[in-house]
Amino acid sequence: MSHSEDRARFLAAYDANLRTDAETPSALKVTRHGPLRWVTFMKGRGFVTYQDLGGADADTITRLVADSVGYFRAKPDITRVEWKSRGHDHAPGLHEALIHNGFTQDEPESIMIGEAQALSAAVPLPDGVTLRQVTEEADVRAMSAMQDEVFGEPVSDEMADALLHRLSLGDGMQLWVAEADGQIVSAGRLEPVPGTDFAGIWGGATREEWRGKGIYRALTARRAQAALEMEKTLIHSDSTEFSRPILERSGLLKVSTTTPYRWARS
């Protein structure tokens, strides 16, 4: 099968299987509004997503965006909202409506999908580097702190608390790290999607001085092996431009883009 045929097959599976409640497994609440899903997460975080916009015209989309801001603004515990757009959607006027309603646009990311089997080939690790799955609170907090540092953000408890909450649910999420001399040098998580063939790989981060040594590729391969053990045959990820080439070398294809828009309570 050609790459273009694979892309079409993967994108159809993505729209059908991943743009449902499966997209937000840690949601506290989900409210339907027309084609939209308004999602509430821990720590005052709101989220807007949808399978498609149902052929809505620009006027309808403008109203949907305004309705969304009104919904979350009326909830004083919500401090910020992400609207997750996709590049292949028919969404006339969406960008303008979001900007008009106080959202700011983030950098686009690539939607990457591939066969887990193709990704699972073992990748050699540098001497002294080992991989392991982590479940203990101290390890999860160390992993989260490393990711905050790599992404240039202040170290906070927010992501660690969310990951520990997810682990407590026993929903199959796995956290994987690469270590050298007792220090976490790379990390990422695996999220099997119930009722589908998919597992997601997320949160990939590697300390700068350890990049270019194949560690993240090895971490990706190990998570793909874990996905196959769960009988998940497809891997998906939203990828920055830094990690996209690594995932492409591992066998994933770019099938579309996703651009987050962010609103913060002023």
Protein backbone atom coordinates (compact mmCIF):
# COMPACT_ATOMS: atom_id res chain seq x y z
CA MET A 1 0.00 0.00 0.00
CA SER A 2 1.35 3.47 -0.88
CA HIS A 3 2.03 6.21 1.66
CA SER A 4 -0.90 8.23 0.30
CA GLU A 5 -3.24 5.24 0.77
CA ASP A 6 -1.87 4.66 4.27
CA ARG A 7 -2.39 8.34 5.12
CA ALA A 8 -6.02 8.22 3.95
CA ARG A 9 -6.66 5.01 5.93
CA PHE A 10 -4.97 6.34 9.05
CA LEU A 11 -6.79 9.70 8.89
CA ALA A 12 -10.19 8.02 8.50
CA ALA A 13 -9.41 5.82 11.53
CA TYR A 14 -8.25 8.88 13.49
CA ASP A 15 -11.48 10.80 12.82
CA ALA A 16 -13.70 7.81 13.59
CA ASN A 17 -11.93 6.46 16.68
CA LEU A 18 -9.98 9.26 18.35
CA ARG A 19 -12.31 12.25 18.08
CA THR A 20 -14.78 10.88 20.60
CA ASP A 21 -14.78 10.62 24.39
CA ALA A 22 -11.71 8.44 23.87
CA GLU A 23 -9.81 11.71 23.33
CA THR A 24 -10.40 12.91 26.89
CA PRO A 25 -10.06 9.93 29.25
CA SER A 26 -9.31 12.06 32.33
CA ALA A 27 -12.29 14.43 31.87
CA LEU A 28 -14.24 15.37 34.98
CA LYS A 29 -17.26 16.39 32.89
CA VAL A 30 -18.25 16.45 29.22
CA THR A 31 -21.14 18.60 27.92
CA ARG A 32 -22.42 18.31 24.35
CA HIS A 33 -23.34 21.49 22.46
CA GLY A 34 -24.24 20.84 18.84
CA PRO A 35 -21.16 19.20 17.28
CA LEU A 36 -18.92 20.39 20.13
CA ARG A 37 -17.77 18.63 23.27
CA TRP A 38 -17.09 21.01 26.17
CA VAL A 39 -14.71 19.23 28.53
CA THR A 40 -13.74 20.09 32.11
CA PHE A 41 -10.43 18.78 33.49
CA MET A 42 -8.74 19.04 36.88
CA LYS A 43 -7.02 22.26 37.95
CA GLY A 44 -9.45 24.62 36.22
CA ARG A 45 -8.76 23.54 32.66
CA GLY A 46 -11.40 23.62 29.92
CA PHE A 47 -11.17 22.01 26.49
CA VAL A 48 -13.21 22.18 23.28
CA THR A 49 -13.13 19.43 20.68
CA TYR A 50 -15.39 17.68 18.15
CA GLN A 51 -15.46 14.91 15.58
CA ASP A 52 -16.34 17.44 12.87
CA LEU A 53 -18.31 20.67 12.64
CA GLY A 54 -21.17 19.13 10.68
CA GLY A 55 -20.73 21.34 7.63
CA ALA A 56 -21.33 24.51 9.69
CA ASP A 57 -20.99 27.83 7.88
CA ALA A 58 -18.96 30.78 9.16
CA ASP A 59 -21.92 32.37 10.99
CA THR A 60 -22.69 29.12 12.82
CA ILE A 61 -19.04 28.63 13.74
CA THR A 62 -18.86 32.21 15.06
CA ARG A 63 -21.86 31.46 17.28
CA LEU A 64 -20.38 28.17 18.49
CA VAL A 65 -17.15 29.89 19.53
CA ALA A 66 -19.04 32.63 21.39
CA ASP A 67 -21.24 30.01 23.08
CA SER A 68 -18.13 28.14 24.20
CA VAL A 69 -16.52 31.19 25.78
CA GLY A 70 -19.81 32.01 27.49
CA TYR A 71 -20.08 28.47 28.88
CA PHE A 72 -16.60 28.44 30.39
CA ARG A 73 -16.67 32.09 31.50
CA ALA A 74 -19.77 31.23 33.58
CA LYS A 75 -17.69 28.65 35.48
CA PRO A 76 -15.43 30.66 37.81
CA ASP A 77 -13.22 27.65 38.56
CA ILE A 78 -12.19 27.44 34.89
CA THR A 79 -9.11 29.63 34.36
CA ARG A 80 -8.06 28.58 30.85
CA VAL A 81 -9.48 26.82 27.83
CA GLU A 82 -7.93 25.06 24.83
CA TRP A 83 -9.79 24.78 21.51
CA LYS A 84 -8.26 21.91 19.52
CA SER A 85 -8.54 22.53 15.76
CA ARG A 86 -7.46 20.20 12.95
CA GLY A 87 -6.07 21.23 9.59
CA HIS A 88 -8.21 18.87 7.51
CA ASP A 89 -11.55 20.06 8.92
CA HIS A 90 -14.01 22.16 6.94
CA ALA A 91 -14.19 25.11 9.33
CA PRO A 92 -14.85 28.44 7.54
CA GLY A 93 -14.09 31.48 9.69
CA LEU A 94 -12.91 29.46 12.70
CA HIS A 95 -9.54 31.20 13.11
CA GLU A 96 -11.11 34.65 12.93
CA ALA A 97 -13.89 33.72 15.37
CA LEU A 98 -11.41 32.34 17.90
CA ILE A 99 -9.15 35.38 17.73
CA HIS A 100 -12.17 37.71 17.99
CA ASN A 101 -13.27 35.89 21.15
CA GLY A 102 -9.93 36.24 22.91
CA PHE A 103 -8.10 33.05 21.94
CA THR A 104 -4.44 33.08 20.93
CA GLN A 105 -3.00 30.65 18.38
CA ASP A 106 -0.23 28.21 19.30
CA GLU A 107 2.22 26.59 16.91
CA PRO A 108 0.68 23.87 14.72
CA GLU A 109 1.66 20.28 15.49
CA SER A 110 1.73 17.28 13.18
CA ILE A 111 -0.76 14.44 13.65
CA MET A 112 1.41 11.34 13.30
CA ILE A 113 0.11 7.78 12.86
CA GLY A 114 1.83 4.48 12.12
CA GLU A 115 1.74 0.73 12.58
CA ALA A 116 2.90 -0.31 16.05
CA GLN A 117 4.71 -3.29 14.53
CA ALA A 118 6.86 -1.00 12.36
CA LEU A 119 7.81 1.11 15.38
CA SER A 120 8.61 -1.78 17.69
CA ALA A 121 12.02 -2.76 16.30
CA ALA A 122 14.59 -2.57 19.08
CA VAL A 123 16.87 0.48 18.99
CA PRO A 124 20.32 0.20 20.64
CA LEU A 125 20.86 2.43 23.67
CA PRO A 126 24.08 4.25 24.57
CA ASP A 127 26.20 2.56 27.23
CA GLY A 128 24.84 3.16 30.71
CA VAL A 129 21.32 4.12 29.58
CA THR A 130 18.41 1.91 30.61
CA LEU A 131 14.63 2.01 30.07
CA ARG A 132 11.97 1.22 32.64
CA GLN A 133 8.29 1.75 33.35
CA VAL A 134 7.57 3.93 36.40
CA THR A 135 4.58 3.80 38.74
CA GLU A 136 5.81 5.10 42.13
CA GLU A 137 4.92 8.67 43.10
CA ALA A 138 8.54 9.80 43.56
CA ASP A 139 9.46 8.52 40.08
CA VAL A 140 6.38 10.13 38.49
CA ARG A 141 7.20 13.49 40.09
CA ALA A 142 10.85 13.26 38.96
CA MET A 143 9.72 12.41 35.42
CA SER A 144 7.24 15.29 35.33
CA ALA A 145 9.81 17.77 36.68
CA MET A 146 12.29 16.73 33.97
CA GLN A 147 9.64 17.25 31.29
CA ASP A 148 8.79 20.71 32.68
CA GLU A 149 12.49 21.66 32.55
CA VAL A 150 12.94 20.36 29.00
CA PHE A 151 9.84 22.22 27.79
CA GLY A 152 11.13 25.43 29.43
CA GLU A 153 8.33 25.64 31.97
CA PRO A 154 8.52 26.16 35.74
CA VAL A 155 8.52 22.87 37.60
CA SER A 156 5.01 22.38 39.00
CA ASP A 157 2.91 19.67 40.60
CA GLU A 158 0.11 20.05 38.05
CA MET A 159 1.13 17.43 35.48
CA ALA A 160 2.46 15.04 38.12
CA ASP A 161 -0.83 15.24 40.02
CA ALA A 162 -2.76 14.58 36.78
CA LEU A 163 -0.54 11.59 35.91
CA LEU A 164 -0.88 10.12 39.42
CA HIS A 165 -4.65 10.53 39.15
CA ARG A 166 -4.62 8.69 35.81
CA LEU A 167 -2.49 5.88 37.27
CA SER A 168 -4.99 5.52 40.10
CA LEU A 169 -7.74 4.84 37.54
CA GLY A 170 -5.92 1.78 36.22
CA ASP A 171 -6.92 2.61 32.64
CA GLY A 172 -3.79 1.15 31.05
CA MET A 173 -1.72 4.35 30.79
CA GLN A 174 2.00 3.61 31.14
CA LEU A 175 4.88 5.96 31.96
CA TRP A 176 8.33 5.15 30.58
CA VAL A 177 11.72 6.74 31.31
CA ALA A 178 15.30 6.41 30.16
CA GLU A 179 17.89 6.78 32.92
CA ALA A 180 21.63 7.31 33.14
CA ASP A 181 23.54 7.38 36.44
CA GLY A 182 20.25 7.46 38.34
CA GLN A 183 19.00 10.55 36.46
CA ILE A 184 15.97 10.57 34.14
CA VAL A 185 17.24 11.76 30.75
CA SER A 186 14.18 11.03 28.57
CA ALA A 187 10.55 10.17 29.21
CA GLY A 188 7.15 9.66 27.63
CA ARG A 189 3.81 8.01 28.23
CA LEU A 190 1.69 5.43 26.43
CA GLU A 191 -2.10 5.75 26.38
CA PRO A 192 -4.13 2.83 25.00
CA VAL A 193 -7.46 4.01 23.59
CA PRO A 194 -10.28 1.72 24.76
CA GLY A 195 -12.41 0.11 22.07
CA THR A 196 -9.97 0.98 19.27
CA ASP A 197 -6.77 -0.32 17.67
CA PHE A 198 -4.92 2.83 18.82
CA ALA A 199 -2.45 3.69 21.54
CA GLY A 200 -1.06 7.23 21.86
CA ILE A 201 2.51 8.22 22.66
CA TRP A 202 2.71 11.53 24.47
CA GLY A 203 4.89 13.83 26.54
CA GLY A 204 8.14 12.86 24.85
CA ALA A 205 11.04 14.87 26.26
CA THR A 206 14.81 14.36 26.28
CA ARG A 207 17.43 16.43 28.09
CA GLU A 208 19.36 18.51 25.58
CA GLU A 209 22.76 16.95 26.29
CA TRP A 210 21.33 13.47 25.62
CA ARG A 211 19.67 14.23 22.30
CA GLY A 212 20.84 12.73 19.01
CA LYS A 213 21.83 9.43 20.61
CA GLY A 214 18.76 7.37 19.69
CA ILE A 215 17.31 7.43 23.20
CA TYR A 216 13.91 8.85 22.25
CA ARG A 217 13.65 6.44 19.32
CA ALA A 218 14.36 3.58 21.73
CA LEU A 219 11.71 4.91 24.11
CA THR A 220 9.25 5.09 21.22
CA ALA A 221 10.07 1.50 20.19
CA ARG A 222 9.61 0.23 23.75
CA ARG A 223 6.22 1.93 24.03
CA ALA A 224 5.20 0.44 20.68
CA GLN A 225 6.15 -3.00 22.02
CA ALA A 226 4.00 -2.34 25.10
CA ALA A 227 1.13 -1.28 22.83
CA LEU A 228 1.37 -4.55 20.89
CA GLU A 229 1.28 -6.43 24.20
CA MET A 230 -2.12 -4.72 24.74
CA GLU A 231 -3.17 -5.76 21.20
CA LYS A 232 -3.05 -2.16 19.97
CA THR A 233 -1.83 -2.12 16.36
CA LEU A 234 -1.76 1.62 15.56
CA ILE A 235 0.24 4.40 17.25
CA HIS A 236 -0.70 8.07 17.14
CA SER A 237 0.86 11.25 18.45
CA ASP A 238 0.67 15.03 18.10
CA SER A 239 4.22 16.03 17.32
CA THR A 240 6.26 19.22 17.45
CA GLU A 241 8.61 20.00 14.60
CA PHE A 242 11.48 18.82 16.81
CA SER A 243 10.11 15.30 17.33
CA ARG A 244 8.35 14.87 13.97
CA PRO A 245 11.52 13.76 12.07
CA ILE A 246 12.32 11.27 14.84
CA LEU A 247 8.85 9.76 14.60
CA GLU A 248 9.06 9.69 10.80
CA ARG A 249 12.33 7.76 11.02
CA SER A 250 10.53 5.36 13.37
CA GLY A 251 7.83 4.79 10.73
CA LEU A 252 5.00 7.21 11.52
CA LEU A 253 3.32 9.26 8.79
CA LYS A 254 2.08 12.84 9.05
CA VAL A 255 -1.64 12.67 8.22
CA SER A 256 -2.75 16.22 9.16
CA THR A 257 -2.05 19.06 11.58
CA THR A 258 -3.59 20.18 14.84
CA THR A 259 -3.41 23.75 16.13
CA PRO A 260 -4.32 24.60 19.71
CA TYR A 261 -5.96 27.94 20.46
CA ARG A 262 -5.84 29.12 24.08
CA TRP A 263 -8.12 31.36 26.12
CA ALA A 264 -7.26 32.55 29.63
CA ARG A 265 -9.55 34.25 32.10
CA SER A 266 -8.59 37.90 32.42
